[in-house]
Protein backbone atom coordinates (compact mmCIF):
# COMPACT_ATOMS: atom_id res chain seq x y z
CA UNK A 1 71.47 -54.89 144.02
CA UNK A 2 75.18 -54.43 144.19
CA UNK A 3 77.05 -57.43 142.99
CA UNK A 4 79.44 -59.16 145.53
CA UNK A 5 82.79 -58.73 144.02
CA UNK A 6 85.01 -61.87 143.75
CA UNK A 7 88.63 -61.73 144.91
CA UNK A 8 91.33 -64.20 144.36
CA UNK A 9 90.31 -65.97 147.38
CA UNK A 10 86.54 -65.66 146.87
CA UNK A 11 85.98 -69.40 146.26
CA UNK A 12 86.29 -70.02 149.95
CA UNK A 13 83.53 -67.63 150.71
CA UNK A 14 80.22 -69.16 149.83
CA UNK A 15 77.04 -67.02 150.41
CA UNK A 16 74.55 -68.72 152.76
CA UNK A 17 72.58 -65.69 153.80
CA UNK A 18 68.98 -64.89 153.13
CA UNK A 19 68.84 -61.15 152.10
CA UNK A 20 70.59 -61.16 148.81
CA UNK A 21 68.37 -63.69 147.12
CA UNK A 22 65.20 -62.90 149.32
CA UNK A 23 62.05 -60.84 148.78
CA UNK A 24 63.57 -57.57 150.21
CA UNK A 25 64.22 -54.04 149.18
CA UNK A 26 66.84 -52.91 146.79
CA UNK A 27 68.46 -50.58 149.48
CA UNK A 28 68.71 -53.38 151.99
CA UNK A 29 70.30 -55.75 149.44
CA UNK A 30 72.78 -53.22 148.21
CA UNK A 31 73.68 -52.31 151.97
CA UNK A 32 74.28 -55.94 152.77
CA UNK A 33 76.20 -56.62 149.56
CA UNK A 34 78.40 -53.67 150.04
CA UNK A 35 79.20 -54.71 153.65
CA UNK A 36 79.88 -58.37 152.59
CA UNK A 37 82.38 -57.02 150.17
CA UNK A 38 84.16 -54.85 152.66
CA UNK A 39 84.10 -57.43 155.55
CA UNK A 40 85.45 -60.22 153.09
CA UNK A 41 88.31 -57.90 152.21
CA UNK A 42 88.96 -57.23 155.91
CA UNK A 43 88.90 -61.05 156.60
CA UNK A 44 91.35 -61.83 153.89
CA UNK A 45 94.12 -59.67 155.19
CA UNK A 46 94.38 -61.94 158.13
CA UNK A 47 93.45 -59.59 160.96
CA UNK A 48 93.17 -61.53 164.37
CA UNK A 49 89.70 -60.16 164.92
CA UNK A 50 86.61 -61.95 163.38
CA UNK A 51 84.12 -59.88 161.23
CA UNK A 52 80.56 -60.93 160.97
CA UNK A 53 77.23 -59.63 159.56
CA UNK A 54 74.08 -61.16 161.19
CA UNK A 55 70.51 -60.25 160.74
CA UNK A 56 66.99 -60.88 162.13
CA UNK A 57 63.52 -60.17 161.20
CA UNK A 58 61.10 -58.18 163.26
CA UNK A 59 60.11 -59.84 166.50
CA UNK A 60 61.29 -63.34 165.19
CA UNK A 61 63.79 -65.06 167.41
CA UNK A 62 65.80 -66.58 164.62
CA UNK A 63 69.10 -65.00 163.79
CA UNK A 64 71.14 -65.74 160.89
CA UNK A 65 74.65 -64.78 159.47
CA UNK A 66 74.88 -63.00 156.11
CA UNK A 67 78.75 -63.23 156.50
CA UNK A 68 81.18 -64.51 159.22
CA UNK A 69 85.00 -64.73 159.12
CA UNK A 70 86.60 -68.08 158.22
CA UNK A 71 88.52 -67.99 161.49
CA UNK A 72 85.21 -68.30 163.49
CA UNK A 73 84.18 -71.40 161.55
CA UNK A 74 87.59 -73.08 162.42
CA UNK A 75 87.48 -72.01 165.97
CA UNK A 76 84.04 -73.31 166.62
CA UNK A 77 84.40 -76.34 164.45
CA UNK A 78 81.19 -75.86 162.65
CA UNK A 79 79.95 -74.94 158.94
CA UNK A 80 78.24 -71.82 157.80
CA UNK A 81 74.81 -72.82 157.85
CA UNK A 82 74.73 -74.00 161.47
CA UNK A 83 77.07 -71.41 162.86
CA UNK A 84 74.32 -69.27 164.62
CA UNK A 85 72.80 -72.32 166.35
CA UNK A 86 76.06 -73.71 167.23
CA UNK A 87 77.22 -70.30 168.82
CA UNK A 88 73.90 -70.06 170.67
CA UNK A 89 74.23 -73.59 172.22
CA UNK A 90 77.87 -72.97 173.04
CA UNK A 91 77.51 -69.88 175.08
CA UNK A 92 78.13 -70.45 178.77
CA UNK A 93 77.76 -66.80 180.07
CA UNK A 94 77.12 -63.36 178.57
CA UNK A 95 78.87 -60.43 180.35
CA UNK A 96 77.60 -56.95 179.82
CA UNK A 97 79.53 -54.06 181.32
CA UNK A 98 78.10 -50.39 181.87
CA UNK A 99 78.87 -47.23 183.72
CA UNK A 100 76.48 -44.64 184.52
CA UNK A 101 78.58 -42.68 186.98
CA UNK A 102 82.36 -42.42 186.70
CA UNK A 103 82.54 -42.39 190.63
CA UNK A 104 80.61 -45.55 190.93
CA UNK A 105 82.83 -47.67 188.68
CA UNK A 106 81.79 -50.45 186.20
CA UNK A 107 78.57 -52.21 186.58
CA UNK A 108 78.66 -55.84 185.54
CA UNK A 109 75.79 -58.10 184.51
CA UNK A 110 76.26 -61.86 183.94
CA UNK A 111 73.47 -63.88 182.10
CA UNK A 112 74.01 -67.66 182.50
CA UNK A 113 73.23 -69.92 179.47
CA UNK A 114 70.02 -71.13 181.14
CA UNK A 115 68.68 -67.56 181.45
CA UNK A 116 69.73 -66.44 177.96
CA UNK A 117 66.59 -67.41 176.38
CA UNK A 118 64.24 -65.37 178.54
CA UNK A 119 66.42 -62.29 178.25
CA UNK A 120 67.15 -62.68 174.48
CA UNK A 121 64.16 -60.73 173.38
CA UNK A 122 64.86 -57.77 175.74
CA UNK A 123 68.60 -57.71 174.75
CA UNK A 124 67.74 -57.53 171.02
CA UNK A 125 65.15 -54.88 171.77
CA UNK A 126 67.80 -52.82 173.62
CA UNK A 127 70.36 -53.34 170.71
CA UNK A 128 67.74 -52.14 168.29
CA UNK A 129 66.99 -49.02 170.31
CA UNK A 130 70.69 -48.24 171.19
CA UNK A 131 72.02 -49.21 167.72
CA UNK A 132 75.13 -50.60 169.51
CA UNK A 133 75.98 -54.07 171.11
CA UNK A 134 78.98 -54.79 173.39
CA UNK A 135 79.19 -57.87 175.51
CA UNK A 136 81.70 -60.67 176.44
CA UNK A 137 80.84 -64.34 175.80
CA UNK A 138 82.09 -67.28 177.58
CA UNK A 139 82.13 -70.08 175.04
CA UNK A 140 82.49 -73.73 175.42
CA UNK A 141 83.92 -75.14 172.16
CA UNK A 142 85.28 -78.51 170.85
CA UNK A 143 87.23 -80.79 173.30
CA UNK A 144 85.40 -78.92 176.12
CA UNK A 145 87.85 -76.05 175.71
CA UNK A 146 86.56 -72.63 176.94
CA UNK A 147 87.32 -69.46 175.14
CA UNK A 148 86.12 -65.77 175.78
CA UNK A 149 84.92 -63.67 173.01
CA UNK A 150 84.30 -59.91 173.00
CA UNK A 151 81.41 -58.87 170.79
CA UNK A 152 81.13 -55.19 169.45
CA UNK A 153 78.53 -54.38 166.78
CA UNK A 154 76.47 -51.61 165.39
CA UNK A 155 72.83 -52.21 164.39
CA UNK A 156 71.10 -50.68 161.38
CA UNK A 157 67.22 -51.21 160.93
CA UNK A 158 65.49 -51.26 157.74
CA UNK A 159 61.81 -50.56 158.73
CA UNK A 160 60.23 -51.38 155.33
CA UNK A 161 61.65 -54.85 155.30
CA UNK A 162 61.41 -55.25 159.22
CA UNK A 163 65.02 -56.39 159.06
CA UNK A 164 67.75 -55.49 161.59
CA UNK A 165 71.42 -55.91 160.51
CA UNK A 166 74.19 -56.25 162.91
CA UNK A 167 77.85 -55.39 161.78
CA UNK A 168 80.07 -56.87 164.38
CA UNK A 169 83.59 -57.88 165.41
CA UNK A 170 84.64 -60.70 167.59
CA UNK A 171 87.90 -60.36 169.40
CA UNK A 172 89.39 -63.25 171.40
CA UNK A 173 89.92 -62.05 175.04
CA UNK A 174 90.57 -65.47 176.79
CA UNK A 175 93.75 -64.35 178.50
CA UNK A 176 92.29 -61.11 179.90
CA UNK A 177 89.05 -62.69 181.07
CA UNK A 178 90.86 -65.58 182.79
CA UNK A 179 93.02 -63.13 184.47
CA UNK A 180 89.90 -61.32 185.54
CA UNK A 181 88.38 -64.52 186.78
CA UNK A 182 91.54 -65.39 188.61
CA UNK A 183 91.60 -61.86 190.31
CA UNK A 184 88.00 -62.38 191.44
CA UNK A 185 88.90 -65.91 192.84
CA UNK A 186 91.89 -64.46 194.66
CA UNK A 187 89.75 -61.45 196.03
CA UNK A 188 87.12 -63.95 197.14
CA UNK A 189 89.67 -66.04 198.97
CA UNK A 190 91.18 -62.97 200.59
CA UNK A 191 87.72 -61.85 201.79
CA UNK A 192 86.90 -65.28 203.11
CA UNK A 193 90.32 -65.32 204.75
CA UNK A 194 89.72 -61.90 206.23
CA UNK A 195 86.23 -62.95 207.53
CA UNK A 196 87.57 -66.15 208.98
CA UNK A 197 90.25 -64.15 210.71
CA UNK A 198 87.79 -61.63 211.97
CA UNK A 199 85.51 -64.40 213.34
CA UNK A 200 88.47 -66.12 214.98
CA UNK A 201 89.51 -62.79 216.62
CA UNK A 202 86.38 -62.36 218.44
CA UNK A 203 85.40 -66.05 219.07
CA UNK A 204 86.78 -68.63 221.53
CA UNK A 205 88.60 -71.40 219.75
CA UNK A 206 87.32 -74.29 222.13
CA UNK A 207 83.57 -73.40 222.54
CA UNK A 208 82.91 -71.27 219.55
CA UNK A 209 81.21 -68.59 221.86
CA UNK A 210 82.41 -64.97 221.84
CA UNK A 211 85.66 -64.17 223.74
CA UNK A 212 86.41 -61.48 226.29
CA UNK A 213 87.89 -59.26 223.48
CA UNK A 214 84.52 -59.03 221.99
CA UNK A 215 82.79 -58.86 225.25
CA UNK A 216 84.38 -55.66 226.53
CA UNK A 217 83.99 -53.83 223.30
CA UNK A 218 80.33 -54.77 222.88
CA UNK A 219 79.37 -54.08 226.41
CA UNK A 220 80.99 -50.68 226.29
CA UNK A 221 78.90 -49.77 223.06
CA UNK A 222 75.69 -51.41 224.67
CA UNK A 223 76.06 -49.14 227.72
CA UNK A 224 76.41 -46.02 225.61
CA UNK A 225 73.49 -47.08 223.52
CA UNK A 226 71.28 -48.15 226.47
CA UNK A 227 72.17 -44.83 228.25
CA UNK A 228 71.00 -42.93 225.31
CA UNK A 229 67.95 -44.85 224.75
CA UNK A 230 66.95 -45.44 228.36
CA UNK A 231 66.90 -49.21 227.97
CA UNK A 232 68.05 -51.93 230.36
CA UNK A 233 70.13 -54.95 229.68
CA UNK A 234 71.39 -57.79 231.99
CA UNK A 235 74.34 -60.07 232.35
CA UNK A 236 74.45 -63.55 233.74
CA UNK A 237 77.88 -64.72 235.24
CA UNK A 238 78.01 -68.49 235.27
CA UNK A 239 80.51 -70.88 236.92
CA UNK A 240 80.43 -74.71 236.39
CA UNK A 241 80.19 -76.38 239.86
CA UNK A 242 82.86 -78.81 240.75
CA UNK A 243 84.35 -78.91 237.30
CA UNK A 244 87.72 -79.92 238.76
CA UNK A 245 86.20 -83.15 239.67
CA UNK A 246 85.35 -83.62 235.98
CA UNK A 247 88.96 -82.90 235.00
CA UNK A 248 90.40 -85.47 237.69
CA UNK A 249 87.93 -88.11 236.80
CA UNK A 250 87.79 -87.98 233.04
CA UNK A 251 90.90 -86.05 232.15
CA UNK A 252 91.65 -82.67 230.48
CA UNK A 253 90.70 -83.71 226.96
CA UNK A 254 87.19 -85.05 227.98
CA UNK A 255 86.82 -81.95 230.20
CA UNK A 256 87.36 -79.76 227.22
CA UNK A 257 84.75 -81.69 225.30
CA UNK A 258 82.44 -81.15 228.09
CA UNK A 259 82.94 -77.29 227.90
CA UNK A 260 82.05 -77.52 224.26
CA UNK A 261 78.94 -79.41 225.05
CA UNK A 262 77.97 -76.82 227.68
CA UNK A 263 78.61 -73.98 225.33
CA UNK A 264 76.22 -75.77 222.93
CA UNK A 265 73.61 -75.83 225.74
CA UNK A 266 73.87 -72.21 226.20
CA UNK A 267 73.75 -71.31 222.51
CA UNK A 268 70.72 -73.54 222.12
CA UNK A 269 68.86 -71.82 225.02
CA UNK A 270 69.49 -68.30 223.74
CA UNK A 271 67.73 -66.39 220.85
CA UNK A 272 69.59 -63.32 219.23
CA UNK A 273 70.39 -60.76 220.09
CA UNK A 274 71.31 -62.69 223.39
CA UNK A 275 74.71 -64.29 223.18
CA UNK A 276 77.33 -66.18 225.20
CA UNK A 277 80.74 -65.65 226.11
CA UNK A 278 83.67 -67.89 227.10
CA UNK A 279 85.06 -65.90 229.96
CA UNK A 280 87.85 -68.28 230.92
CA UNK A 281 88.10 -71.80 232.18
CA UNK A 282 84.71 -73.06 233.20
CA UNK A 283 83.27 -69.55 233.50
CA UNK A 284 80.84 -68.12 231.07
CA UNK A 285 78.90 -64.90 230.61
CA UNK A 286 75.44 -64.42 228.92
CA UNK A 287 74.55 -61.06 227.70
CA UNK A 288 70.76 -60.32 227.40
CA UNK A 289 69.91 -57.12 225.73
CA UNK A 290 66.77 -55.33 226.56
CA UNK A 291 65.91 -57.75 229.44
CA UNK A 292 65.25 -56.57 232.99
CA UNK A 293 66.32 -58.26 236.13
CA UNK A 294 63.20 -60.58 236.57
CA UNK A 295 63.51 -61.51 232.75
CA UNK A 296 67.12 -62.16 233.27
CA UNK A 297 66.55 -64.24 236.26
CA UNK A 298 64.10 -66.39 234.40
CA UNK A 299 66.55 -67.01 231.54
CA UNK A 300 69.28 -67.75 233.99
CA UNK A 301 67.08 -70.45 235.68
CA UNK A 302 66.27 -71.79 232.23
CA UNK A 303 70.00 -72.15 231.48
CA UNK A 304 70.77 -73.84 234.84
CA UNK A 305 67.96 -76.25 234.48
CA UNK A 306 68.81 -77.40 230.98
CA UNK A 307 72.51 -77.91 232.08
CA UNK A 308 71.25 -79.82 235.11
CA UNK A 309 69.06 -82.00 232.88
CA UNK A 310 71.65 -82.77 230.15
CA UNK A 311 73.86 -85.83 230.42
CA UNK A 312 77.29 -84.82 228.94
CA UNK A 313 79.88 -86.82 226.99
CA UNK A 314 77.60 -89.46 225.94
CA UNK A 315 79.13 -89.74 222.41
CA UNK A 316 82.37 -90.60 224.20
CA UNK A 317 80.70 -93.48 226.22
CA UNK A 318 80.54 -91.44 229.44
CA UNK A 319 77.63 -90.13 231.31
CA UNK A 320 78.51 -86.93 233.20
CA UNK A 321 75.98 -84.70 234.87
CA UNK A 322 76.91 -81.15 235.50
CA UNK A 323 75.34 -78.31 237.56
CA UNK A 324 76.18 -74.53 237.47
CA UNK A 325 75.99 -71.35 239.67
CA UNK A 326 74.60 -68.28 238.18
CA UNK A 327 74.62 -64.49 239.09
CA UNK A 328 72.64 -61.88 237.42
CA UNK A 329 73.12 -58.10 237.36
CA UNK A 330 71.19 -55.42 235.36
CA UNK A 331 72.15 -52.01 233.68
CA UNK A 332 71.48 -49.36 234.78
CA UNK A 333 69.53 -50.25 237.95
CA UNK A 334 72.51 -52.29 239.65
CA UNK A 335 75.61 -50.46 238.29
CA UNK A 336 76.39 -47.80 235.59
CA UNK A 337 79.77 -49.02 234.54
CA UNK A 338 81.08 -52.03 232.72
CA UNK A 339 83.46 -53.20 235.56
CA UNK A 340 80.74 -52.69 238.34
CA UNK A 341 78.21 -54.59 236.33
CA UNK A 342 80.44 -57.60 235.83
CA UNK A 343 81.62 -57.56 239.50
CA UNK A 344 78.08 -57.52 240.74
CA UNK A 345 77.15 -60.47 238.51
CA UNK A 346 80.35 -62.20 239.76
CA UNK A 347 79.57 -61.51 243.41
CA UNK A 348 75.98 -62.80 242.92
CA UNK A 349 77.32 -66.04 241.48
CA UNK A 350 79.63 -66.46 244.53
CA UNK A 351 76.74 -65.82 246.79
CA UNK A 352 75.21 -68.98 245.09
CA UNK A 353 78.36 -70.91 245.79
CA UNK A 354 78.27 -69.95 249.43
CA UNK A 355 74.83 -71.37 249.72
CA UNK A 356 75.27 -74.63 248.18
CA UNK A 357 75.72 -74.09 244.40
CA UNK A 358 73.29 -74.96 241.59
CA UNK A 359 71.07 -71.93 241.74
CA UNK A 360 70.49 -68.51 240.50
CA UNK A 361 71.11 -65.19 242.44
CA UNK A 362 70.87 -61.45 241.68
CA UNK A 363 72.37 -58.59 243.67
CA UNK A 364 71.37 -54.91 243.52
CA UNK A 365 72.88 -52.05 245.43
CA UNK A 366 70.75 -49.27 246.56
CA UNK A 367 71.79 -46.04 248.14
CA UNK A 368 69.63 -44.77 251.14
CA UNK A 369 68.74 -41.11 252.05
CA UNK A 370 71.63 -41.08 254.38
CA UNK A 371 73.99 -41.97 251.67
CA UNK A 372 74.65 -45.45 252.85
CA UNK A 373 74.62 -48.38 250.47
CA UNK A 374 72.47 -51.31 251.05
CA UNK A 375 72.67 -54.72 249.37
CA UNK A 376 69.62 -56.71 248.06
CA UNK A 377 70.15 -60.31 247.24
CA UNK A 378 67.36 -62.30 245.66
CA UNK A 379 67.03 -65.62 243.85
CA UNK A 380 64.81 -68.55 243.16
CA UNK A 381 65.80 -70.16 246.56
CA UNK A 382 68.33 -67.99 248.31
CA UNK A 383 66.43 -64.78 249.00
CA UNK A 384 67.63 -62.62 251.94
């Protein structure tokens, strides 16, 4: 066995490893002794990085240090003997970076401390197979201070001894990793802000329903899609009956609360992909993908009856009963363009208003053989 050489500062380095005095082969002991001498010399020159030599046996989970730089012990606030366990308990996260394809960028894997135990065997097996370890550790040390250590090591295996030796170097990269975390937090905040802005851009501020900006864009796309697929969809144009009376009786603020509650009634009645739109004032539009005229009439009647049965503004100490008039049109049977489809649903709704309100009507236009256009109005209670 190669003797460990003693330098002028050798007294501060005591050997607490296992290999040099254990029942192991001469080549292994000579290799470890030589590495310890070299690592001690490197540590003595005051390099800011922290050298270490660790080892583990076969499939055993226990790892120990044959050598570790003095700076590590001071940094962690531990002694040589309990350094491995102290480090293991202090790890908060383990980050591994890899890249298989330059164009795809860097892949990052993060292992939390609670998951380290179940992954430890696999990580050591991978290190043994590749002969190399590179990772960044988030460490919680004394006084609840957090530091980041970059670990780079090569692995040498001695099959006859069933021993694996790791020659490593720890570098403090706290500033770099904190800057990366700050960048991630900033990017996350920006993404959340963008998503919020995007949501606000297509939603009505008062009711939370979609707004007309979204409606026109979505309907144009739906017409194009439905035309290609040969599918129908329907619209409901809805107006709250006598809503001015609510405003005059209870004030604008309470009337706004009532519109919010009506919107909630609409939302609770619909199932995706159907959705509601705040069209303006006390008018709403409901879009019903894949529903034909009769199905849409049934849905409109359900919305009408639920609004009729609901008592609004109860949480404000009021009891307001509201009714609505609803008109239905269906693509492509009633109209082939967005504007015509909306106009027909609007016309059907006004037909309800003319006949006493609080009902559902649908209008379809048909062209006769002579080229004349006939109007067909039908509803639950206003058929013509």
